[in-house]
Amino acid sequence: MKTRNFLCAAIGALFMCSANAALVVYDSKTAFNDATTSQIVEPYIAPENSFLSLSEATFNGIRYPELAFMVDPGYAPDLYQWNSGAVLLLGNVATLSFAPTHAFAADFGTLNPGAAVTVTIDGIDTVVRTEARRNLRFRGWVSDTAFTSVSFSTPAQFLILDNVTRAGAGGLPPPVQVPEPGSLALMGVGLLLLARKRVSTVS
């Protein structure tokens, strides 16, 4: 009986190790690009010198948490100018949900340079250490098991993300991309605000 229990425990540990080994972390964008296919990069936009809320909305196939905004760098350059256009602003604890995918990547920053961000995929934690202001740090993950969410936590007050990417990997299926009414409506509001801003400028 003891031998059987030992074997069961050993087999269980083996499967746990295999599951952990299935998630590969990339700190090179080039290497991540080489390992993935059918990339979907989020087109974060915001009216000039302003922002758009993504609070509990589904935009471009991703479900966002309560505290989520697309922010134009001109809104507060000291905080949101990361030399990459509009960025995604999230609270210090957040989860992005989406259809099954095998790869995820993003450029990371915080309003407290050097703060650590814990990224959780399939129960596996990875720590990303952010850089000095205006320098975003890339991280990518590829799994041989499809996953449907990525969670973030940081002791910093807010998290900055850009170039959020979902992708297929190797011979694995690409991510599902279905535009939903909420996405189209949100994009319409953004374009309307941009048009209004331009009309005001011309007037």
Protein backbone atom coordinates (compact mmCIF):
# COMPACT_ATOMS: atom_id res chain seq x y z
CA MET A 1 0.00 0.00 0.00
CA LYS A 2 2.84 2.38 0.90
CA THR A 3 4.58 1.55 -2.38
CA ARG A 4 1.38 2.24 -4.31
CA ASN A 5 0.88 5.59 -2.55
CA PHE A 6 4.49 6.51 -3.26
CA LEU A 7 4.09 5.66 -6.95
CA CYS A 8 0.88 7.68 -7.17
CA ALA A 9 2.59 10.66 -5.56
CA ALA A 10 5.58 10.34 -7.89
CA ILE A 11 3.34 10.16 -10.96
CA GLY A 12 1.38 13.17 -9.71
CA ALA A 13 4.59 15.13 -9.23
CA LEU A 14 5.72 14.15 -12.71
CA PHE A 15 2.52 15.49 -14.25
CA MET A 16 2.82 18.70 -12.23
CA CYS A 17 6.37 19.19 -13.46
CA SER A 18 5.29 18.51 -17.04
CA ALA A 19 2.52 21.08 -16.73
CA ASN A 20 4.95 23.67 -15.41
CA ALA A 21 7.48 22.90 -18.14
CA ALA A 22 4.77 23.49 -20.78
CA LEU A 23 4.90 27.28 -20.26
CA VAL A 24 7.91 28.94 -21.93
CA VAL A 25 8.77 32.54 -21.03
CA TYR A 26 10.42 34.88 -23.56
CA ASP A 27 12.22 38.11 -22.73
CA SER A 28 13.10 38.66 -26.40
CA LYS A 29 10.37 39.93 -28.71
CA THR A 30 12.24 38.52 -31.71
CA ALA A 31 12.37 35.03 -30.17
CA PHE A 32 8.67 35.24 -29.24
CA ASN A 33 7.78 36.30 -32.79
CA ASP A 34 9.79 33.38 -34.19
CA ALA A 35 7.96 30.92 -31.90
CA THR A 36 4.42 32.14 -32.64
CA THR A 37 1.96 32.50 -35.51
CA SER A 38 -1.22 34.45 -36.33
CA GLN A 39 -0.50 37.26 -33.87
CA ILE A 40 -3.29 39.60 -32.80
CA VAL A 41 -1.89 42.86 -31.38
CA GLU A 42 -4.36 45.10 -29.57
CA PRO A 43 -4.92 48.49 -31.28
CA TYR A 44 -5.14 50.72 -28.22
CA ILE A 45 -6.34 54.19 -29.21
CA ALA A 46 -7.65 57.21 -27.33
CA PRO A 47 -8.71 60.73 -28.29
CA GLU A 48 -5.82 63.18 -28.31
CA ASN A 49 -4.96 64.35 -24.77
CA SER A 50 -7.74 62.19 -23.32
CA PHE A 51 -8.71 58.59 -22.53
CA LEU A 52 -11.39 55.95 -23.15
CA SER A 53 -12.76 53.60 -20.51
CA LEU A 54 -12.70 49.83 -21.08
CA SER A 55 -14.33 49.17 -17.69
CA GLU A 56 -15.85 45.66 -17.71
CA ALA A 57 -16.07 45.85 -21.51
CA THR A 58 -15.13 43.32 -24.16
CA PHE A 59 -12.95 45.01 -26.75
CA ASN A 60 -11.37 43.22 -29.71
CA GLY A 61 -12.00 39.83 -28.09
CA ILE A 62 -10.57 40.65 -24.64
CA ARG A 63 -12.72 41.13 -21.51
CA TYR A 64 -11.32 43.93 -19.33
CA PRO A 65 -11.62 44.44 -15.55
CA GLU A 66 -13.43 47.29 -13.81
CA LEU A 67 -10.39 49.59 -13.79
CA ALA A 68 -9.16 49.71 -17.38
CA PHE A 69 -8.49 52.71 -19.65
CA MET A 70 -6.84 53.44 -22.99
CA VAL A 71 -4.85 56.63 -22.33
CA ASP A 72 -3.32 59.02 -24.83
CA PRO A 73 0.18 60.14 -23.73
CA GLY A 74 -0.85 63.79 -24.07
CA TYR A 75 -3.39 63.38 -21.26
CA ALA A 76 -0.57 63.49 -18.67
CA PRO A 77 2.83 63.14 -20.39
CA ASP A 78 4.73 62.72 -17.11
CA LEU A 79 2.71 59.57 -16.43
CA TYR A 80 1.60 58.17 -19.79
CA GLN A 81 4.32 59.08 -22.25
CA TRP A 82 6.03 55.74 -22.89
CA ASN A 83 7.09 56.50 -26.47
CA SER A 84 4.58 53.99 -27.83
CA GLY A 85 1.36 55.93 -28.40
CA ALA A 86 -1.76 55.23 -26.35
CA VAL A 87 -1.28 52.69 -23.55
CA LEU A 88 -3.54 50.45 -21.45
CA LEU A 89 -3.88 51.52 -17.81
CA LEU A 90 -4.99 48.84 -15.33
CA GLY A 91 -5.39 48.70 -11.56
CA ASN A 92 -2.73 46.95 -9.52
CA VAL A 93 -4.74 43.70 -9.55
CA ALA A 94 -6.33 42.80 -12.87
CA THR A 95 -7.32 39.92 -15.15
CA LEU A 96 -7.75 39.88 -18.92
CA SER A 97 -10.02 37.11 -20.28
CA PHE A 98 -10.32 35.92 -23.87
CA ALA A 99 -11.03 32.93 -26.11
CA PRO A 100 -8.51 30.05 -25.88
CA THR A 101 -5.00 30.99 -27.00
CA HIS A 102 -1.55 29.40 -26.76
CA ALA A 103 0.59 32.54 -26.53
CA PHE A 104 0.44 35.94 -24.83
CA ALA A 105 2.83 38.87 -24.74
CA ALA A 106 2.90 42.52 -23.69
CA ASP A 107 5.17 45.45 -22.93
CA PHE A 108 5.08 46.21 -19.18
CA GLY A 109 5.52 49.37 -17.16
CA THR A 110 4.32 50.82 -13.85
CA LEU A 111 3.94 54.31 -12.47
CA ASN A 112 6.50 53.22 -9.86
CA PRO A 113 9.61 52.36 -11.94
CA GLY A 114 11.30 49.14 -10.89
CA ALA A 115 8.17 47.67 -9.33
CA ALA A 116 7.60 43.95 -9.83
CA VAL A 117 4.56 42.64 -11.70
CA THR A 118 3.44 39.06 -11.04
CA VAL A 119 1.87 37.53 -14.14
CA THR A 120 -0.20 34.36 -13.68
CA ILE A 121 -1.02 32.01 -16.55
CA ASP A 122 -2.58 28.60 -15.86
CA GLY A 123 -1.68 28.90 -12.18
CA ILE A 124 2.00 29.55 -12.95
CA ASP A 125 3.52 32.83 -11.73
CA THR A 126 6.21 34.82 -13.52
CA VAL A 127 7.68 38.02 -12.09
CA VAL A 128 8.39 40.90 -14.48
CA ARG A 129 10.55 43.70 -13.09
CA THR A 130 9.61 47.02 -14.73
CA GLU A 131 12.19 49.53 -15.93
CA ALA A 132 12.72 53.27 -15.57
CA ARG A 133 9.92 55.56 -16.77
CA ARG A 134 9.32 55.58 -20.54
CA ASN A 135 11.03 52.20 -20.97
CA LEU A 136 8.59 49.32 -21.31
CA ARG A 137 9.78 45.76 -20.68
CA PHE A 138 8.71 42.95 -22.99
CA ARG A 139 7.64 39.50 -21.81
CA GLY A 140 5.99 36.71 -23.77
CA TRP A 141 4.62 33.28 -22.86
CA VAL A 142 3.92 30.22 -24.99
CA SER A 143 2.03 27.19 -23.68
CA ASP A 144 1.24 23.84 -25.28
CA THR A 145 -2.08 24.02 -23.39
CA ALA A 146 -4.64 26.63 -24.40
CA PHE A 147 -5.44 29.22 -21.71
CA THR A 148 -8.23 31.80 -21.46
CA SER A 149 -6.97 34.44 -19.04
CA VAL A 150 -3.91 36.26 -17.75
CA SER A 151 -3.82 37.84 -14.28
CA PHE A 152 -1.55 40.61 -13.03
CA SER A 153 -0.69 41.96 -9.60
CA THR A 154 1.81 44.58 -8.53
CA PRO A 155 2.54 46.63 -5.40
CA ALA A 156 2.63 49.70 -7.67
CA GLN A 157 -0.51 51.81 -7.79
CA PHE A 158 -1.22 51.13 -11.48
CA LEU A 159 -0.02 48.86 -14.27
CA ILE A 160 0.79 50.04 -17.80
CA LEU A 161 0.56 47.60 -20.74
CA ASP A 162 1.08 48.08 -24.45
CA ASN A 163 1.25 45.85 -27.52
CA VAL A 164 -0.87 43.18 -25.79
CA THR A 165 -0.58 40.17 -28.10
CA ARG A 166 -2.30 36.82 -28.44
CA ALA A 167 -1.01 34.21 -30.87
CA GLY A 168 -0.82 30.60 -31.96
CA ALA A 169 2.37 28.63 -31.47
CA GLY A 170 4.05 26.04 -33.69
CA GLY A 171 1.36 23.75 -35.05
CA LEU A 172 -1.12 24.83 -32.36
CA PRO A 173 -4.36 26.66 -33.29
CA PRO A 174 -4.30 30.46 -33.59
CA PRO A 175 -6.33 32.57 -31.14
CA VAL A 176 -10.02 33.08 -31.89
CA GLN A 177 -10.84 36.61 -33.03
CA VAL A 178 -14.53 37.51 -33.20
CA PRO A 179 -15.52 41.19 -33.13
CA GLU A 180 -18.43 41.66 -30.74
CA PRO A 181 -21.02 44.48 -30.65
CA GLY A 182 -19.38 45.98 -27.55
CA SER A 183 -16.06 46.33 -29.40
CA LEU A 184 -17.67 47.95 -32.40
CA ALA A 185 -19.65 50.38 -30.24
CA LEU A 186 -16.55 51.33 -28.25
CA MET A 187 -14.55 51.89 -31.41
CA GLY A 188 -17.41 54.02 -32.76
CA VAL A 189 -17.39 56.21 -29.64
CA GLY A 190 -13.63 56.67 -29.96
CA LEU A 191 -13.89 57.67 -33.62
CA LEU A 192 -16.76 60.03 -32.83
CA LEU A 193 -14.69 61.75 -30.12
CA LEU A 194 -11.75 62.04 -32.49
CA ALA A 195 -13.99 63.53 -35.20
CA ARG A 196 -15.50 66.01 -32.72
CA LYS A 197 -12.00 67.02 -31.59
CA ARG A 198 -10.93 67.66 -35.19
CA VAL A 199 -14.06 69.68 -35.96
CA SER A 200 -13.46 71.80 -32.84
CA THR A 201 -9.85 72.36 -33.88
CA VAL A 202 -10.86 73.45 -37.39
CA SER A 203 -13.55 75.80 -36.00
